């Protein structure tokens, strides 16, 4: 299976479009007020937001976007007014991660994993 897209809820789609465009995603489909879909770099997968009446409190899924130079990207976004919950930190699973939330509380992780993204030392099928 190939991942096609991930969709998160938004009470105000236009506010979310602004957030994700500033984050660096390219808008590809836009039904003003109800739905927006973005291209994610050069990958086949896409990302979208859809209109909901309200967003439930609590933890939901985390959306991960890989950055070639995570620290520089986080600094660029901070200079553009983005607030991070966690600044870049090296994790035990060999990824470097930073966390922020979109306007409706959806958690977003910007990270760099390099070769460890698909081939960590503990990968089960090392023949890949």
C-alpha atoms as a PDB file:
ATOM      1  CA  UNK A   1       0.000   0.000   0.000  1.00  0.00           C
ATOM      2  CA  UNK A   2       1.064   3.579  -0.660  1.00  0.00           C
ATOM      3  CA  UNK A   3      -0.028   6.421   1.575  1.00  0.00           C
ATOM      4  CA  UNK A   4      -2.230   8.796  -0.426  1.00  0.00           C
ATOM      5  CA  UNK A   5      -3.034  11.560   2.010  1.00  0.00           C
ATOM      6  CA  UNK A   6      -3.642  12.521   5.602  1.00  0.00           C
ATOM      7  CA  UNK A   7      -6.541  14.848   6.456  1.00  0.00           C
ATOM      8  CA  UNK A   8      -6.943  16.856   9.661  1.00  0.00           C
ATOM      9  CA  UNK A   9      -9.987  18.794  10.901  1.00  0.00           C
ATOM     10  CA  UNK A  10     -10.254  22.595  10.877  1.00  0.00           C
ATOM     11  CA  UNK A  11     -13.007  24.888  12.083  1.00  0.00           C
ATOM     12  CA  UNK A  12     -11.733  27.686   9.813  1.00  0.00           C
ATOM     13  CA  UNK A  13     -10.208  26.202   6.643  1.00  0.00           C
ATOM     14  CA  UNK A  14      -8.845  29.569   5.482  1.00  0.00           C
ATOM     15  CA  UNK A  15      -6.892  29.993   8.736  1.00  0.00           C
ATOM     16  CA  UNK A  16      -5.466  26.492   8.305  1.00  0.00           C
ATOM     17  CA  UNK A  17      -4.581  27.160   4.652  1.00  0.00           C
ATOM     18  CA  UNK A  18      -2.574  30.192   5.766  1.00  0.00           C
ATOM     19  CA  UNK A  19      -0.788  28.138   8.458  1.00  0.00           C
ATOM     20  CA  UNK A  20       0.195  25.247   6.181  1.00  0.00           C
ATOM     21  CA  UNK A  21       1.207  27.495   3.275  1.00  0.00           C
ATOM     22  CA  UNK A  22       3.458  29.463   5.632  1.00  0.00           C
ATOM     23  CA  UNK A  23       4.796  26.120   6.867  1.00  0.00           C
ATOM     24  CA  UNK A  24       5.903  25.470   3.272  1.00  0.00           C
ATOM     25  CA  UNK A  25       3.255  23.226   1.705  1.00  0.00           C
ATOM     26  CA  UNK A  26       1.955  23.981  -1.812  1.00  0.00           C
ATOM     27  CA  UNK A  27      -1.804  24.427  -2.154  1.00  0.00           C
ATOM     28  CA  UNK A  28      -3.169  22.267  -4.980  1.00  0.00           C
ATOM     29  CA  UNK A  29      -6.957  22.048  -4.372  1.00  0.00           C
ATOM     30  CA  UNK A  30      -9.064  24.635  -2.589  1.00  0.00           C
ATOM     31  CA  UNK A  31     -12.802  24.625  -2.021  1.00  0.00           C
ATOM     32  CA  UNK A  32     -12.955  27.896  -0.067  1.00  0.00           C
ATOM     33  CA  UNK A  33     -14.344  27.386   3.389  1.00  0.00           C
ATOM     34  CA  UNK A  34     -14.646  23.600   3.299  1.00  0.00           C
ATOM     35  CA  UNK A  35     -11.540  21.778   2.035  1.00  0.00           C
ATOM     36  CA  UNK A  36      -7.923  22.301   1.014  1.00  0.00           C
ATOM     37  CA  UNK A  37      -5.302  19.849  -0.227  1.00  0.00           C
ATOM     38  CA  UNK A  38      -1.544  20.391  -0.369  1.00  0.00           C
ATOM     39  CA  UNK A  39       1.410  18.827  -2.155  1.00  0.00           C
ATOM     40  CA  UNK A  40       4.124  17.677   0.225  1.00  0.00           C
ATOM     41  CA  UNK A  41       7.533  18.183  -1.358  1.00  0.00           C
ATOM     42  CA  UNK A  42       8.312  15.730  -4.132  1.00  0.00           C
ATOM     43  CA  UNK A  43       6.467  12.798  -2.543  1.00  0.00           C
ATOM     44  CA  UNK A  44       3.307  11.233  -3.918  1.00  0.00           C
ATOM     45  CA  UNK A  45       1.452  11.665  -0.620  1.00  0.00           C
ATOM     46  CA  UNK A  46      -0.618  14.783  -0.005  1.00  0.00           C
ATOM     47  CA  UNK A  47      -2.014  16.532   3.060  1.00  0.00           C
ATOM     48  CA  UNK A  48      -5.425  18.128   3.511  1.00  0.00           C
ATOM     49  CA  UNK A  49      -7.697  19.977   5.924  1.00  0.00           C
ATOM     50  CA  UNK A  50     -11.480  19.739   5.982  1.00  0.00           C
ATOM     51  CA  UNK A  51     -14.168  21.832   7.623  1.00  0.00           C
ATOM     52  CA  UNK A  52     -15.688  20.639  10.882  1.00  0.00           C
ATOM     53  CA  UNK A  53     -18.019  22.375  13.329  1.00  0.00           C
ATOM     54  CA  UNK A  54     -15.739  21.778  16.314  1.00  0.00           C
ATOM     55  CA  UNK A  55     -12.513  20.017  17.236  1.00  0.00           C
ATOM     56  CA  UNK A  56     -12.452  17.548  20.108  1.00  0.00           C
ATOM     57  CA  UNK A  57     -10.061  18.265  22.949  1.00  0.00           C
ATOM     58  CA  UNK A  58      -7.315  15.761  23.662  1.00  0.00           C
ATOM     59  CA  UNK A  59      -4.536  14.082  21.791  1.00  0.00           C
ATOM     60  CA  UNK A  60      -5.099  13.083  18.214  1.00  0.00           C
ATOM     61  CA  UNK A  61      -2.719  11.922  15.520  1.00  0.00           C
ATOM     62  CA  UNK A  62       0.618  13.633  14.939  1.00  0.00           C
ATOM     63  CA  UNK A  63       1.500  14.692  11.383  1.00  0.00           C
ATOM     64  CA  UNK A  64       5.213  14.385  10.502  1.00  0.00           C
ATOM     65  CA  UNK A  65       6.986  16.450   7.842  1.00  0.00           C
ATOM     66  CA  UNK A  66      10.671  15.763   7.170  1.00  0.00           C
ATOM     67  CA  UNK A  67      13.017  18.716   6.653  1.00  0.00           C
ATOM     68  CA  UNK A  68      16.487  18.499   5.115  1.00  0.00           C
ATOM     69  CA  UNK A  69      17.862  21.131   7.505  1.00  0.00           C
ATOM     70  CA  UNK A  70      15.528  20.972  10.487  1.00  0.00           C
ATOM     71  CA  UNK A  71      17.283  23.583  12.614  1.00  0.00           C
ATOM     72  CA  UNK A  72      17.339  26.177   9.841  1.00  0.00           C
ATOM     73  CA  UNK A  73      13.684  25.489   8.987  1.00  0.00           C
ATOM     74  CA  UNK A  74      12.614  25.855  12.622  1.00  0.00           C
ATOM     75  CA  UNK A  75      14.540  29.120  12.897  1.00  0.00           C
ATOM     76  CA  UNK A  76      12.909  30.415   9.686  1.00  0.00           C
ATOM     77  CA  UNK A  77       9.466  29.553  11.012  1.00  0.00           C
ATOM     78  CA  UNK A  78      10.147  31.106  14.420  1.00  0.00           C
ATOM     79  CA  UNK A  79      11.206  34.322  12.671  1.00  0.00           C
ATOM     80  CA  UNK A  80       7.863  34.141  10.808  1.00  0.00           C
ATOM     81  CA  UNK A  81       5.954  33.985  14.109  1.00  0.00           C
ATOM     82  CA  UNK A  82       5.446  30.249  14.579  1.00  0.00           C
ATOM     83  CA  UNK A  83       5.510  29.078  18.207  1.00  0.00           C
ATOM     84  CA  UNK A  84       7.016  25.672  18.951  1.00  0.00           C
ATOM     85  CA  UNK A  85       6.108  23.433  21.888  1.00  0.00           C
ATOM     86  CA  UNK A  86       9.437  21.630  21.550  1.00  0.00           C
ATOM     87  CA  UNK A  87      12.485  22.998  19.742  1.00  0.00           C
ATOM     88  CA  UNK A  88      14.733  20.572  17.814  1.00  0.00           C
ATOM     89  CA  UNK A  89      15.980  17.754  19.998  1.00  0.00           C
ATOM     90  CA  UNK A  90      17.776  14.488  19.212  1.00  0.00           C
ATOM     91  CA  UNK A  91      15.590  11.505  20.075  1.00  0.00           C
ATOM     92  CA  UNK A  92      16.715   8.014  21.175  1.00  0.00           C
ATOM     93  CA  UNK A  93      15.190   6.598  17.954  1.00  0.00           C
ATOM     94  CA  UNK A  94      17.806   8.606  15.971  1.00  0.00           C
ATOM     95  CA  UNK A  95      15.479  11.313  14.669  1.00  0.00           C
ATOM     96  CA  UNK A  96      15.815  15.037  15.399  1.00  0.00           C
ATOM     97  CA  UNK A  97      12.343  16.475  16.091  1.00  0.00           C
ATOM     98  CA  UNK A  98      10.549  19.749  16.818  1.00  0.00           C
ATOM     99  CA  UNK A  99       6.841  20.091  17.653  1.00  0.00           C
ATOM    100  CA  UNK A 100       4.178  22.737  17.118  1.00  0.00           C
ATOM    101  CA  UNK A 101       0.397  22.829  16.733  1.00  0.00           C
ATOM    102  CA  UNK A 102      -1.742  24.119  13.906  1.00  0.00           C
ATOM    103  CA  UNK A 103      -4.536  26.643  14.632  1.00  0.00           C
ATOM    104  CA  UNK A 104      -6.891  23.848  15.770  1.00  0.00           C
ATOM    105  CA  UNK A 105      -4.505  21.940  18.002  1.00  0.00           C
ATOM    106  CA  UNK A 106      -3.435  19.274  15.518  1.00  0.00           C
ATOM    107  CA  UNK A 107       0.102  18.335  16.527  1.00  0.00           C
ATOM    108  CA  UNK A 108       2.764  18.745  13.828  1.00  0.00           C
ATOM    109  CA  UNK A 109       6.264  17.298  14.072  1.00  0.00           C
ATOM    110  CA  UNK A 110       9.018  18.661  11.867  1.00  0.00           C
ATOM    111  CA  UNK A 111      11.910  16.238  11.861  1.00  0.00           C
ATOM    112  CA  UNK A 112      15.075  15.002  10.213  1.00  0.00           C
ATOM    113  CA  UNK A 113      15.800  11.277  10.165  1.00  0.00           C
ATOM    114  CA  UNK A 114      17.932  10.786   7.059  1.00  0.00           C
ATOM    115  CA  UNK A 115      18.793   7.126   6.500  1.00  0.00           C
ATOM    116  CA  UNK A 116      17.197   6.204   9.841  1.00  0.00           C
ATOM    117  CA  UNK A 117      13.740   7.130   8.517  1.00  0.00           C
ATOM    118  CA  UNK A 118      13.403   3.823   6.676  1.00  0.00           C
ATOM    119  CA  UNK A 119      16.486   1.950   7.819  1.00  0.00           C
ATOM    120  CA  UNK A 120      17.052   2.277  11.573  1.00  0.00           C
ATOM    121  CA  UNK A 121      19.651  -0.087  13.046  1.00  0.00           C
ATOM    122  CA  UNK A 122      16.849  -2.147  14.644  1.00  0.00           C
ATOM    123  CA  UNK A 123      14.859  -2.601  11.423  1.00  0.00           C
ATOM    124  CA  UNK A 124      13.359  -6.095  11.240  1.00  0.00           C
ATOM    125  CA  UNK A 125      14.022  -6.868   7.562  1.00  0.00           C
ATOM    126  CA  UNK A 126      17.597  -5.696   7.071  1.00  0.00           C
ATOM    127  CA  UNK A 127      17.676  -7.043   3.478  1.00  0.00           C
ATOM    128  CA  UNK A 128      15.937  -3.929   2.206  1.00  0.00           C
END
